[in-house]
PDB file of N, CA and C in Angstrom:
ATOM      1  N   MET A   1      -5.437  -3.450  18.365  1.00  0.00           N
ATOM      2  CA  MET A   1      -5.456  -2.412  17.341  1.00  0.00           C
ATOM      3  C   MET A   1      -5.782  -3.053  15.990  1.00  0.00           C
ATOM      4  N   ALA A   2      -6.507  -2.337  15.180  1.00  0.00           N
ATOM      5  CA  ALA A   2      -6.900  -2.840  13.861  1.00  0.00           C
ATOM      6  C   ALA A   2      -5.676  -2.928  12.955  1.00  0.00           C
ATOM      7  N   ARG A   3      -5.783  -3.798  11.976  1.00  0.00           N
ATOM      8  CA  ARG A   3      -4.705  -3.979  11.009  1.00  0.00           C
ATOM      9  C   ARG A   3      -5.272  -3.831   9.608  1.00  0.00           C
ATOM     10  N   LEU A   4      -4.405  -3.488   8.681  1.00  0.00           N
ATOM     11  CA  LEU A   4      -4.788  -3.320   7.283  1.00  0.00           C
ATOM     12  C   LEU A   4      -4.075  -4.360   6.430  1.00  0.00           C
ATOM     13  N   LYS A   5      -4.827  -5.045   5.594  1.00  0.00           N
ATOM     14  CA  LYS A   5      -4.252  -5.973   4.615  1.00  0.00           C
ATOM     15  C   LYS A   5      -4.200  -5.227   3.295  1.00  0.00           C
ATOM     16  N   ILE A   6      -2.992  -4.983   2.798  1.00  0.00           N
ATOM     17  CA  ILE A   6      -2.786  -4.170   1.603  1.00  0.00           C
ATOM     18  C   ILE A   6      -2.251  -5.069   0.494  1.00  0.00           C
ATOM     19  N   THR A   7      -2.937  -5.072  -0.637  1.00  0.00           N
ATOM     20  CA  THR A   7      -2.559  -5.891  -1.787  1.00  0.00           C
ATOM     21  C   THR A   7      -2.291  -4.984  -2.978  1.00  0.00           C
ATOM     22  N   GLN A   8      -1.129  -5.136  -3.603  1.00  0.00           N
ATOM     23  CA  GLN A   8      -0.831  -4.358  -4.810  1.00  0.00           C
ATOM     24  C   GLN A   8      -1.537  -5.007  -5.985  1.00  0.00           C
ATOM     25  N   THR A   9      -2.358  -4.225  -6.695  1.00  0.00           N
ATOM     26  CA  THR A   9      -3.142  -4.756  -7.806  1.00  0.00           C
ATOM     27  C   THR A   9      -2.731  -4.184  -9.156  1.00  0.00           C
ATOM     28  N   ARG A  10      -2.003  -3.077  -9.142  1.00  0.00           N
ATOM     29  CA  ARG A  10      -1.582  -2.469 -10.400  1.00  0.00           C
ATOM     30  C   ARG A  10      -0.103  -2.129 -10.346  1.00  0.00           C
ATOM     31  N   SER A  11       0.488  -1.947 -11.519  1.00  0.00           N
ATOM     32  CA  SER A  11       1.918  -1.699 -11.640  1.00  0.00           C
ATOM     33  C   SER A  11       2.285  -0.281 -11.239  1.00  0.00           C
ATOM     34  N   LYS A  12       3.511  -0.148 -10.730  1.00  0.00           N
ATOM     35  CA  LYS A  12       4.028   1.171 -10.385  1.00  0.00           C
ATOM     36  C   LYS A  12       4.733   1.831 -11.565  1.00  0.00           C
ATOM     37  N   ILE A  13       4.883   1.113 -12.675  1.00  0.00           N
ATOM     38  CA  ILE A  13       5.565   1.656 -13.848  1.00  0.00           C
ATOM     39  C   ILE A  13       4.789   2.873 -14.358  1.00  0.00           C
ATOM     40  N   GLY A  14       5.491   3.952 -14.583  1.00  0.00           N
ATOM     41  CA  GLY A  14       4.873   5.174 -15.069  1.00  0.00           C
ATOM     42  C   GLY A  14       4.330   6.053 -13.966  1.00  0.00           C
ATOM     43  N   GLY A  15       4.407   5.582 -12.737  1.00  0.00           N
ATOM     44  CA  GLY A  15       3.921   6.372 -11.606  1.00  0.00           C
ATOM     45  C   GLY A  15       4.947   7.410 -11.186  1.00  0.00           C
ATOM     46  N   GLN A  16       4.501   8.355 -10.377  1.00  0.00           N
ATOM     47  CA  GLN A  16       5.409   9.378  -9.877  1.00  0.00           C
ATOM     48  C   GLN A  16       6.358   8.776  -8.848  1.00  0.00           C
ATOM     49  N   GLN A  17       7.481   9.443  -8.636  1.00  0.00           N
ATOM     50  CA  GLN A  17       8.496   8.926  -7.720  1.00  0.00           C
ATOM     51  C   GLN A  17       7.943   8.766  -6.300  1.00  0.00           C
ATOM     52  N   ASN A  18       7.110   9.709  -5.842  1.00  0.00           N
ATOM     53  CA  ASN A  18       6.580   9.590  -4.480  1.00  0.00           C
ATOM     54  C   ASN A  18       5.633   8.397  -4.350  1.00  0.00           C
ATOM     55  N   GLN A  19       4.957   8.027  -5.410  1.00  0.00           N
ATOM     56  CA  GLN A  19       4.098   6.843  -5.376  1.00  0.00           C
ATOM     57  C   GLN A  19       4.939   5.572  -5.334  1.00  0.00           C
ATOM     58  N   ARG A  20       5.997   5.520  -6.119  1.00  0.00           N
ATOM     59  CA  ARG A  20       6.893   4.358  -6.093  1.00  0.00           C
ATOM     60  C   ARG A  20       7.547   4.219  -4.719  1.00  0.00           C
ATOM     61  N   ASP A  21       7.927   5.352  -4.129  1.00  0.00           N
ATOM     62  CA  ASP A  21       8.531   5.333  -2.795  1.00  0.00           C
ATOM     63  C   ASP A  21       7.536   4.846  -1.745  1.00  0.00           C
ATOM     64  N   SER A  22       6.283   5.260  -1.866  1.00  0.00           N
ATOM     65  CA  SER A  22       5.260   4.820  -0.912  1.00  0.00           C
ATOM     66  C   SER A  22       5.042   3.318  -1.001  1.00  0.00           C
ATOM     67  N   LEU A  23       4.984   2.772  -2.208  1.00  0.00           N
ATOM     68  CA  LEU A  23       4.831   1.330  -2.369  1.00  0.00           C
ATOM     69  C   LEU A  23       6.006   0.590  -1.738  1.00  0.00           C
ATOM     70  N   ARG A  24       7.204   1.079  -1.959  1.00  0.00           N
ATOM     71  CA  ARG A  24       8.393   0.434  -1.405  1.00  0.00           C
ATOM     72  C   ARG A  24       8.374   0.510   0.127  1.00  0.00           C
ATOM     73  N   SER A  25       7.970   1.642   0.674  1.00  0.00           N
ATOM     74  CA  SER A  25       7.905   1.801   2.127  1.00  0.00           C
ATOM     75  C   SER A  25       6.861   0.887   2.751  1.00  0.00           C
ATOM     76  N   LEU A  26       5.803   0.623   2.013  1.00  0.00           N
ATOM     77  CA  LEU A  26       4.778  -0.303   2.497  1.00  0.00           C
ATOM     78  C   LEU A  26       5.245  -1.750   2.401  1.00  0.00           C
ATOM     79  N   GLY A  27       6.310  -2.005   1.653  1.00  0.00           N
ATOM     80  CA  GLY A  27       6.830  -3.360   1.514  1.00  0.00           C
ATOM     81  C   GLY A  27       6.297  -4.087   0.298  1.00  0.00           C
ATOM     82  N   LEU A  28       5.749  -3.340  -0.658  1.00  0.00           N
ATOM     83  CA  LEU A  28       5.184  -3.939  -1.864  1.00  0.00           C
ATOM     84  C   LEU A  28       6.180  -3.809  -3.007  1.00  0.00           C
ATOM     85  N   LYS A  29       6.468  -4.934  -3.672  1.00  0.00           N
ATOM     86  CA  LYS A  29       7.458  -4.935  -4.746  1.00  0.00           C
ATOM     87  C   LYS A  29       6.843  -5.236  -6.098  1.00  0.00           C
ATOM     88  N   ARG A  30       5.809  -6.076  -6.115  1.00  0.00           N
ATOM     89  CA  ARG A  30       5.237  -6.481  -7.407  1.00  0.00           C
ATOM     90  C   ARG A  30       3.743  -6.718  -7.254  1.00  0.00           C
ATOM     91  N   ILE A  31       3.065  -6.814  -8.389  1.00  0.00           N
ATOM     92  CA  ILE A  31       1.627  -7.059  -8.393  1.00  0.00           C
ATOM     93  C   ILE A  31       1.351  -8.387  -7.694  1.00  0.00           C
ATOM     94  N   GLY A  32       0.377  -8.375  -6.826  1.00  0.00           N
ATOM     95  CA  GLY A  32       0.013  -9.575  -6.088  1.00  0.00           C
ATOM     96  C   GLY A  32       0.628  -9.656  -4.705  1.00  0.00           C
ATOM     97  N   ASP A  33       1.600  -8.811  -4.403  1.00  0.00           N
ATOM     98  CA  ASP A  33       2.192  -8.805  -3.070  1.00  0.00           C
ATOM     99  C   ASP A  33       1.169  -8.353  -2.039  1.00  0.00           C
ATOM    100  N   VAL A  34       1.211  -8.978  -0.871  1.00  0.00           N
ATOM    101  CA  VAL A  34       0.288  -8.662   0.208  1.00  0.00           C
ATOM    102  C   VAL A  34       1.096  -8.394   1.475  1.00  0.00           C
ATOM    103  N   VAL A  35       0.769  -7.312   2.172  1.00  0.00           N
ATOM    104  CA  VAL A  35       1.373  -7.017   3.467  1.00  0.00           C
ATOM    105  C   VAL A  35       0.263  -6.696   4.457  1.00  0.00           C
ATOM    106  N   VAL A  36       0.536  -6.951   5.717  1.00  0.00           N
ATOM    107  CA  VAL A  36      -0.402  -6.598   6.787  1.00  0.00           C
ATOM    108  C   VAL A  36       0.313  -5.604   7.687  1.00  0.00           C
ATOM    109  N   LYS A  37      -0.283  -4.433   7.844  1.00  0.00           N
ATOM    110  CA  LYS A  37       0.317  -3.350   8.627  1.00  0.00           C
ATOM    111  C   LYS A  37      -0.661  -2.883   9.694  1.00  0.00           C
ATOM    112  N   GLU A  38      -0.119  -2.303  10.763  1.00  0.00           N
ATOM    113  CA  GLU A  38      -0.954  -1.691  11.788  1.00  0.00           C
ATOM    114  C   GLU A  38      -1.678  -0.483  11.183  1.00  0.00           C
ATOM    115  N   ASP A  39      -2.888  -0.232  11.638  1.00  0.00           N
ATOM    116  CA  ASP A  39      -3.685   0.891  11.141  1.00  0.00           C
ATOM    117  C   ASP A  39      -3.259   2.155  11.880  1.00  0.00           C
ATOM    118  N   ARG A  40      -2.284   2.862  11.287  1.00  0.00           N
ATOM    119  CA  ARG A  40      -1.764   4.096  11.865  1.00  0.00           C
ATOM    120  C   ARG A  40      -1.896   5.210  10.836  1.00  0.00           C
ATOM    121  N   PRO A  41      -1.872   6.452  11.273  1.00  0.00           N
ATOM    122  CA  PRO A  41      -2.007   7.577  10.332  1.00  0.00           C
ATOM    123  C   PRO A  41      -0.920   7.581   9.254  1.00  0.00           C
ATOM    124  N   GLU A  42       0.298   7.172   9.604  1.00  0.00           N
ATOM    125  CA  GLU A  42       1.383   7.168   8.620  1.00  0.00           C
ATOM    126  C   GLU A  42       1.092   6.176   7.497  1.00  0.00           C
ATOM    127  N   ILE A  43       0.592   5.007   7.877  1.00  0.00           N
ATOM    128  CA  ILE A  43       0.274   3.977   6.894  1.00  0.00           C
ATOM    129  C   ILE A  43      -0.912   4.420   6.044  1.00  0.00           C
ATOM    130  N   ARG A  44      -1.927   4.999   6.687  1.00  0.00           N
ATOM    131  CA  ARG A  44      -3.096   5.498   5.943  1.00  0.00           C
ATOM    132  C   ARG A  44      -2.681   6.554   4.922  1.00  0.00           C
ATOM    133  N   GLY A  45      -1.721   7.403   5.264  1.00  0.00           N
ATOM    134  CA  GLY A  45      -1.251   8.429   4.346  1.00  0.00           C
ATOM    135  C   GLY A  45      -0.566   7.833   3.124  1.00  0.00           C
ATOM    136  N   MET A  46       0.265   6.815   3.357  1.00  0.00           N
ATOM    137  CA  MET A  46       0.944   6.158   2.232  1.00  0.00           C
ATOM    138  C   MET A  46      -0.067   5.438   1.348  1.00  0.00           C
ATOM    139  N   VAL A  47      -1.060   4.806   1.966  1.00  0.00           N
ATOM    140  CA  VAL A  47      -2.093   4.110   1.195  1.00  0.00           C
ATOM    141  C   VAL A  47      -2.905   5.113   0.375  1.00  0.00           C
ATOM    142  N   ALA A  48      -3.162   6.280   0.934  1.00  0.00           N
ATOM    143  CA  ALA A  48      -3.931   7.303   0.211  1.00  0.00           C
ATOM    144  C   ALA A  48      -3.188   7.753  -1.047  1.00  0.00           C
ATOM    145  N   LYS A  49      -1.853   7.821  -0.986  1.00  0.00           N
ATOM    146  CA  LYS A  49      -1.056   8.228  -2.149  1.00  0.00           C
ATOM    147  C   LYS A  49      -1.141   7.224  -3.287  1.00  0.00           C
ATOM    148  N   VAL A  50      -1.320   5.945  -2.947  1.00  0.00           N
ATOM    149  CA  VAL A  50      -1.310   4.897  -3.966  1.00  0.00           C
ATOM    150  C   VAL A  50      -2.632   4.132  -3.987  1.00  0.00           C
ATOM    151  N   SER A  51      -3.715   4.792  -3.618  1.00  0.00           N
ATOM    152  CA  SER A  51      -5.010   4.114  -3.504  1.00  0.00           C
ATOM    153  C   SER A  51      -5.468   3.506  -4.833  1.00  0.00           C
ATOM    154  N   HIS A  52      -5.019   4.070  -5.952  1.00  0.00           N
ATOM    155  CA  HIS A  52      -5.406   3.540  -7.256  1.00  0.00           C
ATOM    156  C   HIS A  52      -4.576   2.321  -7.664  1.00  0.00           C
ATOM    157  N   LEU A  53      -3.546   1.991  -6.888  1.00  0.00           N
ATOM    158  CA  LEU A  53      -2.676   0.864  -7.195  1.00  0.00           C
ATOM    159  C   LEU A  53      -2.870  -0.313  -6.242  1.00  0.00           C
ATOM    160  N   VAL A  54      -3.601  -0.101  -5.148  1.00  0.00           N
ATOM    161  CA  VAL A  54      -3.717  -1.139  -4.122  1.00  0.00           C
ATOM    162  C   VAL A  54      -5.168  -1.342  -3.716  1.00  0.00           C
ATOM    163  N   ASP A  55      -5.425  -2.536  -3.118  1.00  0.00           N
ATOM    164  CA  ASP A  55      -6.690  -2.814  -2.456  1.00  0.00           C
ATOM    165  C   ASP A  55      -6.405  -2.916  -0.971  1.00  0.00           C
ATOM    166  N   VAL A  56      -7.309  -2.375  -0.157  1.00  0.00           N
ATOM    167  CA  VAL A  56      -7.102  -2.357   1.289  1.00  0.00           C
ATOM    168  C   VAL A  56      -8.308  -3.002   1.976  1.00  0.00           C
ATOM    169  N   GLU A  57      -8.021  -3.907   2.914  1.00  0.00           N
ATOM    170  CA  GLU A  57      -9.057  -4.533   3.729  1.00  0.00           C
ATOM    171  C   GLU A  57      -8.652  -4.375   5.188  1.00  0.00           C
ATOM    172  N   GLU A  58      -9.656  -4.195   6.059  1.00  0.00           N
ATOM    173  CA  GLU A  58      -9.376  -4.168   7.488  1.00  0.00           C
ATOM    174  C   GLU A  58      -9.506  -5.585   8.028  1.00  0.00           C
ATOM    175  N   VAL A  59      -8.515  -6.004   8.799  1.00  0.00           N
ATOM    176  CA  VAL A  59      -8.546  -7.331   9.432  1.00  0.00           C
ATOM    177  C   VAL A  59      -8.273  -7.155  10.921  1.00  0.00           C
ATOM    178  N   ASP A  60      -8.694  -8.124  11.702  1.00  0.00           N
ATOM    179  CA  ASP A  60      -8.470  -8.054  13.151  1.00  0.00           C
ATOM    180  C   ASP A  60      -7.477  -9.076  13.624  1.00  0.00           C
TER     181      ASP A  60
END
């Protein structure tokens, strides 16, 4: 199954509560944090909420 490499590039300060919650659920705490997650619809949904705060790459 494909995996997603998610990197936080911008701050969550000033963001809406649901965006801050999505970042926390993805495991991102600060700028520069990187997590690798399975490519599932739930993860894609959280990434879509914070797409302006993160960079996403597909890795195998």
